[in-house]
Amino acid sequence: MSVQVKDVPFAGTVPSPKTENEGMITGSWRTRRPILDKDKCTDCRMCWISCPDSSINLTNGSVSFNLKYCKGCGICNEICPVGAISLVPELDFEE
């Protein structure tokens, strides 16, 4: 049974992993990378609640992406009510 956004009670918490499992890194095959426009972000946290891989971090109220686990599925992009998250082809980045 998976937790759906509608099932999270008002002011409820969504558990997040306490440690990273290095054996479960899945971001290496991502084809699209999420990019946050901080000027558009309203800190609604819908992306954080909706991420199926818990790859969105909230640090001091700021959203960031843990690219080791992000698969580039685009759920965060689709759920964002203000369009603050875009998906850019991974090939556009040099690392």
N, C-alpha and C. Protein backbone atom coordinates (compact mmCIF):
# COMPACT_ATOMS: atom_id res chain seq x y z
N MET A 1 0.84 -1.18 0.00
CA MET A 1 0.00 0.00 0.00
C MET A 1 0.88 1.24 0.00
N SER A 2 0.66 2.14 -0.92
CA SER A 2 1.45 3.36 -0.98
C SER A 2 0.63 4.53 -0.44
N VAL A 3 1.33 5.53 0.05
CA VAL A 3 0.68 6.72 0.59
C VAL A 3 0.43 7.69 -0.56
N GLN A 4 -0.79 8.12 -0.71
CA GLN A 4 -1.15 9.10 -1.72
C GLN A 4 -1.19 10.48 -1.08
N VAL A 5 -0.98 11.53 -1.89
CA VAL A 5 -0.99 12.89 -1.36
C VAL A 5 -2.28 13.17 -0.61
N LYS A 6 -3.40 12.70 -1.14
CA LYS A 6 -4.69 12.96 -0.49
C LYS A 6 -4.81 12.25 0.86
N ASP A 7 -3.97 11.23 1.10
CA ASP A 7 -4.02 10.48 2.35
C ASP A 7 -3.19 11.11 3.47
N VAL A 8 -2.39 12.13 3.13
CA VAL A 8 -1.55 12.77 4.15
C VAL A 8 -2.43 13.76 4.90
N PRO A 9 -2.60 13.59 6.21
CA PRO A 9 -3.46 14.50 6.96
C PRO A 9 -2.89 15.91 7.01
N PHE A 10 -3.77 16.88 7.16
CA PHE A 10 -3.34 18.26 7.30
C PHE A 10 -2.34 18.35 8.44
N ALA A 11 -1.24 19.00 8.21
CA ALA A 11 -0.16 19.14 9.19
C ALA A 11 0.49 17.80 9.52
N GLY A 12 0.25 16.81 8.67
CA GLY A 12 0.89 15.50 8.86
C GLY A 12 2.33 15.54 8.37
N THR A 13 3.05 14.52 8.68
CA THR A 13 4.43 14.44 8.21
C THR A 13 4.60 13.26 7.29
N VAL A 14 5.50 13.41 6.36
CA VAL A 14 5.84 12.33 5.45
C VAL A 14 7.23 11.86 5.87
N PRO A 15 7.36 10.60 6.25
CA PRO A 15 8.67 10.14 6.69
C PRO A 15 9.68 10.18 5.55
N SER A 16 10.89 10.53 5.89
CA SER A 16 11.95 10.55 4.89
C SER A 16 13.08 9.65 5.36
N PRO A 17 13.89 9.16 4.43
CA PRO A 17 14.97 8.27 4.83
C PRO A 17 15.95 8.99 5.74
N LYS A 18 16.43 8.30 6.74
CA LYS A 18 17.38 8.90 7.69
C LYS A 18 18.81 8.80 7.19
N THR A 19 19.09 7.80 6.40
CA THR A 19 20.43 7.64 5.84
C THR A 19 20.31 7.28 4.37
N GLU A 20 21.34 7.59 3.63
CA GLU A 20 21.35 7.22 2.22
C GLU A 20 21.88 5.81 2.09
N ASN A 21 21.26 5.05 1.23
CA ASN A 21 21.69 3.68 0.98
C ASN A 21 22.50 3.68 -0.31
N GLU A 22 23.81 3.65 -0.19
CA GLU A 22 24.68 3.73 -1.36
C GLU A 22 24.44 2.60 -2.35
N GLY A 23 23.93 1.47 -1.89
CA GLY A 23 23.65 0.37 -2.79
C GLY A 23 22.40 0.56 -3.63
N MET A 24 21.65 1.60 -3.34
CA MET A 24 20.38 1.83 -4.03
C MET A 24 20.39 3.09 -4.88
N ILE A 25 21.55 3.59 -5.24
CA ILE A 25 21.64 4.81 -6.06
C ILE A 25 21.02 4.52 -7.42
N THR A 26 20.07 5.35 -7.82
CA THR A 26 19.34 5.12 -9.06
C THR A 26 19.42 6.29 -10.03
N GLY A 27 20.02 7.39 -9.62
CA GLY A 27 20.03 8.57 -10.47
C GLY A 27 20.96 8.49 -11.67
N SER A 28 21.79 7.46 -11.75
CA SER A 28 22.77 7.39 -12.83
C SER A 28 22.13 7.17 -14.20
N TRP A 29 20.92 6.69 -14.26
CA TRP A 29 20.27 6.47 -15.54
C TRP A 29 19.19 7.51 -15.85
N ARG A 30 19.18 8.59 -15.09
CA ARG A 30 18.22 9.68 -15.30
C ARG A 30 18.49 10.34 -16.65
N THR A 31 17.46 10.67 -17.40
CA THR A 31 17.63 11.36 -18.68
C THR A 31 17.24 12.83 -18.60
N ARG A 32 16.49 13.20 -17.54
CA ARG A 32 16.10 14.60 -17.34
C ARG A 32 16.41 15.00 -15.91
N ARG A 33 16.89 16.23 -15.74
CA ARG A 33 17.27 16.73 -14.42
C ARG A 33 16.31 17.85 -14.01
N PRO A 34 15.78 17.80 -12.78
CA PRO A 34 14.92 18.88 -12.31
C PRO A 34 15.74 20.11 -11.94
N ILE A 35 15.23 21.26 -12.35
CA ILE A 35 15.86 22.54 -12.03
C ILE A 35 14.79 23.41 -11.37
N LEU A 36 15.14 23.99 -10.23
CA LEU A 36 14.19 24.82 -9.48
C LEU A 36 14.43 26.30 -9.76
N ASP A 37 13.36 27.01 -10.09
CA ASP A 37 13.40 28.47 -10.21
C ASP A 37 12.99 29.01 -8.84
N LYS A 38 13.97 29.40 -8.03
CA LYS A 38 13.69 29.83 -6.65
C LYS A 38 12.83 31.08 -6.59
N ASP A 39 12.84 31.89 -7.65
CA ASP A 39 12.01 33.08 -7.66
C ASP A 39 10.52 32.74 -7.79
N LYS A 40 10.22 31.63 -8.45
CA LYS A 40 8.82 31.21 -8.61
C LYS A 40 8.32 30.36 -7.45
N CYS A 41 9.22 29.65 -6.78
CA CYS A 41 8.83 28.69 -5.73
C CYS A 41 8.12 29.40 -4.58
N THR A 42 6.96 28.86 -4.19
CA THR A 42 6.18 29.43 -3.08
C THR A 42 6.31 28.60 -1.80
N ASP A 43 7.18 27.60 -1.82
CA ASP A 43 7.41 26.73 -0.66
C ASP A 43 6.14 25.99 -0.24
N CYS A 44 5.37 25.54 -1.23
CA CYS A 44 4.15 24.78 -0.91
C CYS A 44 4.46 23.34 -0.52
N ARG A 45 5.62 22.85 -0.91
CA ARG A 45 6.13 21.51 -0.59
C ARG A 45 5.38 20.38 -1.28
N MET A 46 4.58 20.69 -2.27
CA MET A 46 3.88 19.63 -3.02
C MET A 46 4.88 18.72 -3.72
N CYS A 47 5.98 19.26 -4.21
CA CYS A 47 6.99 18.43 -4.87
C CYS A 47 7.59 17.45 -3.88
N TRP A 48 7.89 17.92 -2.69
CA TRP A 48 8.50 17.10 -1.65
C TRP A 48 7.56 15.97 -1.23
N ILE A 49 6.28 16.30 -1.07
CA ILE A 49 5.29 15.31 -0.68
C ILE A 49 5.12 14.26 -1.78
N SER A 50 5.17 14.68 -3.03
CA SER A 50 4.84 13.81 -4.16
C SER A 50 5.99 12.99 -4.71
N CYS A 51 7.22 13.31 -4.37
CA CYS A 51 8.37 12.60 -4.95
C CYS A 51 8.37 11.13 -4.51
N PRO A 52 8.28 10.20 -5.46
CA PRO A 52 8.23 8.78 -5.10
C PRO A 52 9.56 8.22 -4.60
N ASP A 53 10.64 8.96 -4.82
CA ASP A 53 11.97 8.47 -4.44
C ASP A 53 12.58 9.21 -3.26
N SER A 54 11.82 10.10 -2.63
CA SER A 54 12.33 10.93 -1.53
C SER A 54 13.64 11.60 -1.91
N SER A 55 13.70 12.09 -3.15
CA SER A 55 14.93 12.72 -3.61
C SER A 55 14.87 14.24 -3.57
N ILE A 56 13.83 14.77 -2.93
CA ILE A 56 13.73 16.22 -2.73
C ILE A 56 13.97 16.49 -1.26
N ASN A 57 14.93 17.36 -1.01
CA ASN A 57 15.30 17.72 0.36
C ASN A 57 14.78 19.10 0.70
N LEU A 58 14.41 19.29 1.96
CA LEU A 58 14.05 20.61 2.48
C LEU A 58 15.08 20.97 3.53
N THR A 59 15.87 21.97 3.24
CA THR A 59 16.90 22.42 4.17
C THR A 59 16.67 23.90 4.44
N ASN A 60 16.36 24.23 5.67
CA ASN A 60 16.06 25.61 6.05
C ASN A 60 14.98 26.21 5.15
N GLY A 61 13.99 25.40 4.80
CA GLY A 61 12.88 25.87 3.99
C GLY A 61 13.16 25.93 2.50
N SER A 62 14.36 25.55 2.07
CA SER A 62 14.71 25.59 0.66
C SER A 62 14.66 24.20 0.06
N VAL A 63 14.12 24.11 -1.14
CA VAL A 63 14.04 22.85 -1.86
C VAL A 63 15.35 22.60 -2.59
N SER A 64 15.83 21.36 -2.52
CA SER A 64 16.97 20.94 -3.34
C SER A 64 16.74 19.50 -3.77
N PHE A 65 17.43 19.08 -4.80
CA PHE A 65 17.25 17.75 -5.36
C PHE A 65 18.46 16.89 -5.07
N ASN A 66 18.23 15.68 -4.59
CA ASN A 66 19.31 14.71 -4.39
C ASN A 66 19.41 13.92 -5.68
N LEU A 67 20.36 14.30 -6.52
CA LEU A 67 20.46 13.72 -7.85
C LEU A 67 20.96 12.28 -7.85
N LYS A 68 21.45 11.80 -6.70
CA LYS A 68 21.85 10.39 -6.62
C LYS A 68 20.63 9.47 -6.73
N TYR A 69 19.47 9.97 -6.32
CA TYR A 69 18.27 9.14 -6.27
C TYR A 69 17.17 9.59 -7.23
N CYS A 70 17.26 10.82 -7.72
CA CYS A 70 16.24 11.33 -8.64
C CYS A 70 16.32 10.57 -9.96
N LYS A 71 15.17 10.09 -10.42
CA LYS A 71 15.11 9.36 -11.69
C LYS A 71 14.63 10.24 -12.84
N GLY A 72 14.30 11.50 -12.56
CA GLY A 72 13.84 12.39 -13.61
C GLY A 72 12.44 12.07 -14.09
N CYS A 73 11.61 11.51 -13.22
CA CYS A 73 10.26 11.07 -13.62
C CYS A 73 9.35 12.24 -13.99
N GLY A 74 9.58 13.42 -13.41
CA GLY A 74 8.79 14.60 -13.75
C GLY A 74 7.57 14.82 -12.90
N ILE A 75 7.34 14.00 -11.89
CA ILE A 75 6.18 14.20 -11.02
C ILE A 75 6.26 15.57 -10.34
N CYS A 76 7.43 15.95 -9.88
CA CYS A 76 7.59 17.25 -9.22
C CYS A 76 7.23 18.39 -10.17
N ASN A 77 7.64 18.26 -11.42
CA ASN A 77 7.34 19.26 -12.44
C ASN A 77 5.84 19.36 -12.68
N GLU A 78 5.18 18.22 -12.75
CA GLU A 78 3.74 18.19 -13.02
C GLU A 78 2.91 18.70 -11.84
N ILE A 79 3.35 18.43 -10.61
CA ILE A 79 2.56 18.77 -9.42
C ILE A 79 2.75 20.23 -8.99
N CYS A 80 3.85 20.85 -9.41
CA CYS A 80 4.15 22.23 -8.97
C CYS A 80 3.08 23.20 -9.49
N PRO A 81 2.35 23.86 -8.59
CA PRO A 81 1.25 24.73 -9.02
C PRO A 81 1.70 26.03 -9.68
N VAL A 82 2.97 26.40 -9.53
CA VAL A 82 3.44 27.66 -10.10
C VAL A 82 4.49 27.46 -11.19
N GLY A 83 4.76 26.22 -11.56
CA GLY A 83 5.72 25.94 -12.62
C GLY A 83 7.15 26.30 -12.26
N ALA A 84 7.52 26.11 -10.99
CA ALA A 84 8.86 26.47 -10.53
C ALA A 84 9.91 25.41 -10.85
N ILE A 85 9.47 24.22 -11.26
CA ILE A 85 10.41 23.13 -11.55
C ILE A 85 10.34 22.80 -13.03
N SER A 86 11.48 22.86 -13.68
CA SER A 86 11.56 22.45 -15.08
C SER A 86 12.47 21.24 -15.19
N LEU A 87 12.31 20.49 -16.25
CA LEU A 87 13.15 19.32 -16.49
C LEU A 87 14.02 19.59 -17.71
N VAL A 88 15.32 19.45 -17.51
CA VAL A 88 16.30 19.74 -18.55
C VAL A 88 16.98 18.43 -18.94
N PRO A 89 17.20 18.20 -20.23
CA PRO A 89 17.89 16.97 -20.63
C PRO A 89 19.24 16.83 -19.92
N GLU A 90 19.51 15.66 -19.42
CA GLU A 90 20.75 15.40 -18.68
C GLU A 90 21.99 15.67 -19.54
N LEU A 91 21.88 15.49 -20.84
CA LEU A 91 23.02 15.72 -21.73
C LEU A 91 23.43 17.19 -21.80
N ASP A 92 22.57 18.10 -21.30
CA ASP A 92 22.91 19.52 -21.27
C ASP A 92 23.90 19.87 -20.18
N PHE A 93 24.23 18.92 -19.31
CA PHE A 93 25.12 19.17 -18.17
C PHE A 93 26.45 18.46 -18.37
N GLU A 94 27.51 19.11 -17.94
CA GLU A 94 28.83 18.49 -17.95
C GLU A 94 29.19 18.17 -16.51
N GLU A 95 29.59 16.93 -16.25
CA GLU A 95 29.98 16.58 -14.88
C GLU A 95 31.18 15.70 -14.87
